[in-house]
């Protein structure tokens, strides 16, 4: 026994190194048997979860929920092609709603509304016509040039119907352009009373 202890004492460093090597070897064996299996099972579990999301459209559903905006309902009427109730996305601008309604009618007062305004749920949007705005004295556009305006535009003037608008166009074709706004009274059927109604809305 003393000899064994003497050998161990003399070679304690060697035995210590052998012990360290044995411990490392045992740990390596345990890792190979159990560790790799644990990592593999854990990886397969994550891969399965990812595949399930892909198969069930999980990622698309998450992205869709992220990008989804709430629908709102807006009633638009007046001088648009197709008045009615429209389903819109939250944050939609007024000009986009007007496009959904088919756009403006030719007689629409396009300058009256703020076209970049965000529409709100339950709102009623009314697009006025130029003729009714002129009749109210609140037309938001520029004065009508009686030398260049077509029949439809001339008909937006107060008291100017289709026949009188045609007379103005015919007068220009026969006599040339008007020199001043008062010259419009030279047109058949437009006298001083009619001129007083339209003088603030015309120019040459």
C-alpha atoms as a PDB file:
ATOM      1  CA  UNK A   1       0.000   0.000   0.000  1.00  0.00           C
ATOM      2  CA  UNK A   2       2.884   2.314   0.846  1.00  0.00           C
ATOM      3  CA  UNK A   3       4.464   1.591  -2.494  1.00  0.00           C
ATOM      4  CA  UNK A   4       1.214   2.455  -4.298  1.00  0.00           C
ATOM      5  CA  UNK A   5       0.968   5.744  -2.388  1.00  0.00           C
ATOM      6  CA  UNK A   6       4.613   6.437  -3.145  1.00  0.00           C
ATOM      7  CA  UNK A   7       4.048   5.842  -6.878  1.00  0.00           C
ATOM      8  CA  UNK A   8       0.964   8.056  -6.852  1.00  0.00           C
ATOM      9  CA  UNK A   9       2.813  10.803  -4.987  1.00  0.00           C
ATOM     10  CA  UNK A  10       5.718  10.751  -7.404  1.00  0.00           C
ATOM     11  CA  UNK A  11       3.423  10.705 -10.439  1.00  0.00           C
ATOM     12  CA  UNK A  12       0.540  12.856  -9.125  1.00  0.00           C
ATOM     13  CA  UNK A  13       0.745  15.233 -12.090  1.00  0.00           C
ATOM     14  CA  UNK A  14       0.503  12.353 -14.519  1.00  0.00           C
ATOM     15  CA  UNK A  15      -2.470  10.889 -12.683  1.00  0.00           C
ATOM     16  CA  UNK A  16      -4.106  14.299 -12.506  1.00  0.00           C
ATOM     17  CA  UNK A  17      -3.800  14.693 -16.274  1.00  0.00           C
ATOM     18  CA  UNK A  18      -5.159  11.173 -16.808  1.00  0.00           C
ATOM     19  CA  UNK A  19      -8.154  12.034 -14.571  1.00  0.00           C
ATOM     20  CA  UNK A  20      -8.867  15.211 -16.523  1.00  0.00           C
ATOM     21  CA  UNK A  21      -8.730  13.294 -19.804  1.00  0.00           C
ATOM     22  CA  UNK A  22     -11.142  10.664 -18.431  1.00  0.00           C
ATOM     23  CA  UNK A  23     -13.613  13.345 -17.268  1.00  0.00           C
ATOM     24  CA  UNK A  24     -13.507  15.029 -20.681  1.00  0.00           C
ATOM     25  CA  UNK A  25     -13.978  11.688 -22.398  1.00  0.00           C
ATOM     26  CA  UNK A  26     -16.985  10.810 -20.232  1.00  0.00           C
ATOM     27  CA  UNK A  27     -18.558  14.220 -20.898  1.00  0.00           C
ATOM     28  CA  UNK A  28     -17.999  13.737 -24.614  1.00  0.00           C
ATOM     29  CA  UNK A  29     -19.722  10.365 -24.551  1.00  0.00           C
ATOM     30  CA  UNK A  30     -22.684  11.830 -22.633  1.00  0.00           C
ATOM     31  CA  UNK A  31     -22.949  14.714 -25.112  1.00  0.00           C
ATOM     32  CA  UNK A  32     -22.849  12.358 -28.097  1.00  0.00           C
ATOM     33  CA  UNK A  33     -25.586  10.188 -26.619  1.00  0.00           C
ATOM     34  CA  UNK A  34     -27.953  12.779 -25.161  1.00  0.00           C
ATOM     35  CA  UNK A  35     -26.869  16.268 -26.189  1.00  0.00           C
ATOM     36  CA  UNK A  36     -27.096  15.855 -29.934  1.00  0.00           C
ATOM     37  CA  UNK A  37     -30.475  14.181 -29.599  1.00  0.00           C
ATOM     38  CA  UNK A  38     -31.781  17.106 -27.486  1.00  0.00           C
ATOM     39  CA  UNK A  39     -30.538  19.705 -29.989  1.00  0.00           C
ATOM     40  CA  UNK A  40     -31.951  17.745 -32.924  1.00  0.00           C
ATOM     41  CA  UNK A  41     -35.357  17.353 -31.255  1.00  0.00           C
ATOM     42  CA  UNK A  42     -35.432  21.053 -30.333  1.00  0.00           C
ATOM     43  CA  UNK A  43     -34.510  22.107 -33.903  1.00  0.00           C
ATOM     44  CA  UNK A  44     -37.145  19.812 -35.411  1.00  0.00           C
ATOM     45  CA  UNK A  45     -39.736  21.295 -33.069  1.00  0.00           C
ATOM     46  CA  UNK A  46     -38.928  24.834 -34.215  1.00  0.00           C
ATOM     47  CA  UNK A  47     -38.858  23.748 -37.857  1.00  0.00           C
ATOM     48  CA  UNK A  48     -42.226  22.091 -37.446  1.00  0.00           C
ATOM     49  CA  UNK A  49     -43.704  25.256 -35.939  1.00  0.00           C
ATOM     50  CA  UNK A  50     -42.371  27.302 -38.866  1.00  0.00           C
ATOM     51  CA  UNK A  51     -43.739  24.803 -41.386  1.00  0.00           C
ATOM     52  CA  UNK A  52     -47.131  24.866 -39.698  1.00  0.00           C
ATOM     53  CA  UNK A  53     -47.229  28.647 -40.032  1.00  0.00           C
ATOM     54  CA  UNK A  54     -46.285  28.369 -43.682  1.00  0.00           C
ATOM     55  CA  UNK A  55     -48.830  25.623 -44.379  1.00  0.00           C
ATOM     56  CA  UNK A  56     -51.637  27.461 -42.595  1.00  0.00           C
ATOM     57  CA  UNK A  57     -50.736  30.802 -44.085  1.00  0.00           C
ATOM     58  CA  UNK A  58     -49.624  32.001 -40.681  1.00  0.00           C
ATOM     59  CA  UNK A  59     -47.082  34.510 -41.887  1.00  0.00           C
ATOM     60  CA  UNK A  60     -49.475  35.890 -44.484  1.00  0.00           C
ATOM     61  CA  UNK A  61     -52.178  36.162 -41.836  1.00  0.00           C
ATOM     62  CA  UNK A  62     -49.873  38.041 -39.451  1.00  0.00           C
ATOM     63  CA  UNK A  63     -48.781  40.395 -42.231  1.00  0.00           C
ATOM     64  CA  UNK A  64     -52.382  40.876 -43.318  1.00  0.00           C
ATOM     65  CA  UNK A  65     -53.428  41.788 -39.769  1.00  0.00           C
ATOM     66  CA  UNK A  66     -50.532  44.216 -39.569  1.00  0.00           C
ATOM     67  CA  UNK A  67     -51.479  45.957 -42.806  1.00  0.00           C
ATOM     68  CA  UNK A  68     -55.250  45.746 -42.371  1.00  0.00           C
ATOM     69  CA  UNK A  69     -57.095  49.052 -41.994  1.00  0.00           C
ATOM     70  CA  UNK A  70     -60.626  49.498 -40.738  1.00  0.00           C
ATOM     71  CA  UNK A  71     -63.402  49.982 -43.281  1.00  0.00           C
ATOM     72  CA  UNK A  72     -65.561  53.093 -43.057  1.00  0.00           C
ATOM     73  CA  UNK A  73     -68.745  54.122 -44.870  1.00  0.00           C
ATOM     74  CA  UNK A  74     -69.238  57.484 -46.548  1.00  0.00           C
ATOM     75  CA  UNK A  75     -72.189  58.920 -48.495  1.00  0.00           C
ATOM     76  CA  UNK A  76     -71.247  61.146 -51.436  1.00  0.00           C
ATOM     77  CA  UNK A  77     -73.814  63.035 -53.493  1.00  0.00           C
ATOM     78  CA  UNK A  78     -74.219  66.091 -55.686  1.00  0.00           C
ATOM     79  CA  UNK A  79     -72.225  66.712 -58.851  1.00  0.00           C
ATOM     80  CA  UNK A  80     -70.565  63.291 -59.161  1.00  0.00           C
ATOM     81  CA  UNK A  81     -71.236  60.593 -61.741  1.00  0.00           C
ATOM     82  CA  UNK A  82     -72.414  57.888 -59.329  1.00  0.00           C
ATOM     83  CA  UNK A  83     -73.700  59.255 -55.996  1.00  0.00           C
ATOM     84  CA  UNK A  84     -74.159  56.733 -53.220  1.00  0.00           C
ATOM     85  CA  UNK A  85     -72.721  55.042 -50.126  1.00  0.00           C
ATOM     86  CA  UNK A  86     -69.172  53.760 -50.536  1.00  0.00           C
ATOM     87  CA  UNK A  87     -67.012  51.460 -48.444  1.00  0.00           C
ATOM     88  CA  UNK A  88     -63.648  53.121 -47.965  1.00  0.00           C
ATOM     89  CA  UNK A  89     -60.446  52.357 -46.142  1.00  0.00           C
ATOM     90  CA  UNK A  90     -59.639  54.412 -43.093  1.00  0.00           C
ATOM     91  CA  UNK A  91     -57.384  57.285 -44.081  1.00  0.00           C
ATOM     92  CA  UNK A  92     -58.763  57.628 -47.621  1.00  0.00           C
ATOM     93  CA  UNK A  93     -58.573  61.099 -49.164  1.00  0.00           C
ATOM     94  CA  UNK A  94     -61.578  62.918 -50.609  1.00  0.00           C
ATOM     95  CA  UNK A  95     -60.223  62.850 -54.170  1.00  0.00           C
ATOM     96  CA  UNK A  96     -59.991  59.040 -53.942  1.00  0.00           C
ATOM     97  CA  UNK A  97     -63.631  58.843 -52.837  1.00  0.00           C
ATOM     98  CA  UNK A  98     -64.666  61.050 -55.768  1.00  0.00           C
ATOM     99  CA  UNK A  99     -62.778  58.702 -58.120  1.00  0.00           C
ATOM    100  CA  UNK A 100     -64.713  55.751 -56.631  1.00  0.00           C
ATOM    101  CA  UNK A 101     -67.921  57.672 -57.368  1.00  0.00           C
ATOM    102  CA  UNK A 102     -66.973  57.962 -61.046  1.00  0.00           C
ATOM    103  CA  UNK A 103     -65.460  61.442 -60.883  1.00  0.00           C
ATOM    104  CA  UNK A 104     -66.933  64.934 -61.145  1.00  0.00           C
ATOM    105  CA  UNK A 105     -69.787  65.915 -63.393  1.00  0.00           C
ATOM    106  CA  UNK A 106     -68.875  68.601 -65.921  1.00  0.00           C
ATOM    107  CA  UNK A 107     -70.738  71.260 -63.942  1.00  0.00           C
ATOM    108  CA  UNK A 108     -69.085  70.414 -60.595  1.00  0.00           C
ATOM    109  CA  UNK A 109     -67.415  73.188 -58.654  1.00  0.00           C
ATOM    110  CA  UNK A 110     -64.083  71.378 -58.270  1.00  0.00           C
ATOM    111  CA  UNK A 111     -62.520  74.146 -56.198  1.00  0.00           C
ATOM    112  CA  UNK A 112     -65.144  74.169 -53.455  1.00  0.00           C
ATOM    113  CA  UNK A 113     -63.921  71.115 -51.552  1.00  0.00           C
ATOM    114  CA  UNK A 114     -60.526  70.288 -50.070  1.00  0.00           C
ATOM    115  CA  UNK A 115     -59.677  67.252 -52.175  1.00  0.00           C
ATOM    116  CA  UNK A 116     -56.843  66.061 -49.909  1.00  0.00           C
ATOM    117  CA  UNK A 117     -59.063  66.023 -46.818  1.00  0.00           C
ATOM    118  CA  UNK A 118     -59.321  62.639 -45.072  1.00  0.00           C
ATOM    119  CA  UNK A 119     -62.892  61.311 -45.169  1.00  0.00           C
ATOM    120  CA  UNK A 120     -64.542  60.176 -41.944  1.00  0.00           C
ATOM    121  CA  UNK A 121     -66.909  57.323 -41.154  1.00  0.00           C
ATOM    122  CA  UNK A 122     -70.583  58.246 -41.446  1.00  0.00           C
ATOM    123  CA  UNK A 123     -69.888  61.511 -43.248  1.00  0.00           C
ATOM    124  CA  UNK A 124     -72.074  62.966 -46.010  1.00  0.00           C
ATOM    125  CA  UNK A 125     -70.010  64.632 -48.741  1.00  0.00           C
ATOM    126  CA  UNK A 126     -71.894  67.005 -51.027  1.00  0.00           C
ATOM    127  CA  UNK A 127     -70.227  68.182 -54.255  1.00  0.00           C
ATOM    128  CA  UNK A 128     -71.961  71.393 -55.415  1.00  0.00           C
ATOM    129  CA  UNK A 129     -72.371  72.439 -59.022  1.00  0.00           C
ATOM    130  CA  UNK A 130     -71.012  75.696 -60.388  1.00  0.00           C
ATOM    131  CA  UNK A 131     -74.474  76.886 -61.328  1.00  0.00           C
ATOM    132  CA  UNK A 132     -75.891  76.530 -57.824  1.00  0.00           C
ATOM    133  CA  UNK A 133     -72.802  78.153 -56.286  1.00  0.00           C
ATOM    134  CA  UNK A 134     -73.122  81.079 -58.689  1.00  0.00           C
ATOM    135  CA  UNK A 135     -76.817  81.387 -57.836  1.00  0.00           C
ATOM    136  CA  UNK A 136     -75.875  81.602 -54.159  1.00  0.00           C
ATOM    137  CA  UNK A 137     -73.129  84.111 -54.893  1.00  0.00           C
ATOM    138  CA  UNK A 138     -70.472  81.763 -53.483  1.00  0.00           C
ATOM    139  CA  UNK A 139     -68.879  80.340 -56.624  1.00  0.00           C
ATOM    140  CA  UNK A 140     -65.278  79.457 -55.735  1.00  0.00           C
ATOM    141  CA  UNK A 141     -63.869  79.432 -59.242  1.00  0.00           C
ATOM    142  CA  UNK A 142     -62.589  82.243 -61.438  1.00  0.00           C
ATOM    143  CA  UNK A 143     -64.836  84.427 -63.566  1.00  0.00           C
ATOM    144  CA  UNK A 144     -66.065  82.910 -66.813  1.00  0.00           C
ATOM    145  CA  UNK A 145     -64.467  84.295 -69.962  1.00  0.00           C
ATOM    146  CA  UNK A 146     -67.393  84.986 -72.289  1.00  0.00           C
ATOM    147  CA  UNK A 147     -65.051  84.953 -75.294  1.00  0.00           C
ATOM    148  CA  UNK A 148     -63.800  81.399 -74.736  1.00  0.00           C
ATOM    149  CA  UNK A 149     -66.395  79.608 -72.594  1.00  0.00           C
ATOM    150  CA  UNK A 150     -68.369  76.816 -74.238  1.00  0.00           C
ATOM    151  CA  UNK A 151     -72.120  76.385 -74.038  1.00  0.00           C
ATOM    152  CA  UNK A 152     -72.078  74.183 -70.941  1.00  0.00           C
ATOM    153  CA  UNK A 153     -69.882  76.626 -69.015  1.00  0.00           C
ATOM    154  CA  UNK A 154     -72.017  79.598 -70.050  1.00  0.00           C
ATOM    155  CA  UNK A 155     -75.065  77.770 -68.736  1.00  0.00           C
ATOM    156  CA  UNK A 156     -73.595  77.921 -65.219  1.00  0.00           C
ATOM    157  CA  UNK A 157     -74.208  81.679 -65.210  1.00  0.00           C
ATOM    158  CA  UNK A 158     -77.361  82.772 -63.360  1.00  0.00           C
ATOM    159  CA  UNK A 159     -80.332  83.090 -65.681  1.00  0.00           C
ATOM    160  CA  UNK A 160     -78.449  81.706 -68.725  1.00  0.00           C
ATOM    161  CA  UNK A 161     -80.170  78.616 -70.074  1.00  0.00           C
ATOM    162  CA  UNK A 162     -79.276  76.437 -73.029  1.00  0.00           C
ATOM    163  CA  UNK A 163     -80.897  78.684 -75.644  1.00  0.00           C
ATOM    164  CA  UNK A 164     -79.260  81.862 -74.336  1.00  0.00           C
ATOM    165  CA  UNK A 165     -75.862  80.137 -74.087  1.00  0.00           C
ATOM    166  CA  UNK A 166     -76.195  79.073 -77.733  1.00  0.00           C
ATOM    167  CA  UNK A 167     -77.023  82.701 -78.649  1.00  0.00           C
ATOM    168  CA  UNK A 168     -73.797  83.889 -76.981  1.00  0.00           C
ATOM    169  CA  UNK A 169     -71.699  81.326 -78.880  1.00  0.00           C
ATOM    170  CA  UNK A 170     -73.468  82.201 -82.134  1.00  0.00           C
ATOM    171  CA  UNK A 171     -72.881  85.924 -81.569  1.00  0.00           C
ATOM    172  CA  UNK A 172     -69.138  85.334 -81.124  1.00  0.00           C
ATOM    173  CA  UNK A 173     -68.991  83.304 -84.309  1.00  0.00           C
ATOM    174  CA  UNK A 174     -70.739  86.053 -86.270  1.00  0.00           C
ATOM    175  CA  UNK A 175     -69.335  89.234 -84.734  1.00  0.00           C
ATOM    176  CA  UNK A 176     -66.096  88.118 -83.104  1.00  0.00           C
ATOM    177  CA  UNK A 177     -65.045  88.412 -79.482  1.00  0.00           C
ATOM    178  CA  UNK A 178     -66.592  90.792 -76.996  1.00  0.00           C
ATOM    179  CA  UNK A 179     -64.466  93.877 -76.284  1.00  0.00           C
ATOM    180  CA  UNK A 180     -65.890  94.416 -72.801  1.00  0.00           C
ATOM    181  CA  UNK A 181     -68.283  92.551 -70.540  1.00  0.00           C
ATOM    182  CA  UNK A 182     -71.073  95.074 -71.216  1.00  0.00           C
ATOM    183  CA  UNK A 183     -71.070  93.958 -74.868  1.00  0.00           C
ATOM    184  CA  UNK A 184     -72.856  90.782 -73.843  1.00  0.00           C
ATOM    185  CA  UNK A 185     -76.040  92.885 -73.791  1.00  0.00           C
ATOM    186  CA  UNK A 186     -75.743  92.949 -77.589  1.00  0.00           C
ATOM    187  CA  UNK A 187     -76.770  89.309 -77.579  1.00  0.00           C
ATOM    188  CA  UNK A 188     -80.427  88.775 -78.298  1.00  0.00           C
ATOM    189  CA  UNK A 189     -82.386  88.280 -75.065  1.00  0.00           C
ATOM    190  CA  UNK A 190     -79.731  89.634 -72.690  1.00  0.00           C
ATOM    191  CA  UNK A 191     -80.801  93.028 -71.442  1.00  0.00           C
ATOM    192  CA  UNK A 192     -79.702  95.134 -68.491  1.00  0.00           C
ATOM    193  CA  UNK A 193     -81.599  93.085 -65.898  1.00  0.00           C
ATOM    194  CA  UNK A 194     -79.956  89.857 -67.095  1.00  0.00           C
ATOM    195  CA  UNK A 195     -76.580  91.581 -67.293  1.00  0.00           C
ATOM    196  CA  UNK A 196     -76.834  92.727 -63.653  1.00  0.00           C
ATOM    197  CA  UNK A 197     -77.206  89.097 -62.581  1.00  0.00           C
ATOM    198  CA  UNK A 198     -74.099  87.868 -64.377  1.00  0.00           C
ATOM    199  CA  UNK A 199     -71.722  90.841 -64.480  1.00  0.00           C
ATOM    200  CA  UNK A 200     -69.845  89.764 -61.343  1.00  0.00           C
ATOM    201  CA  UNK A 201     -69.157  86.324 -62.797  1.00  0.00           C
ATOM    202  CA  UNK A 202     -67.898  87.152 -66.297  1.00  0.00           C
ATOM    203  CA  UNK A 203     -64.788  88.553 -67.901  1.00  0.00           C
ATOM    204  CA  UNK A 204     -63.270  89.087 -71.367  1.00  0.00           C
END
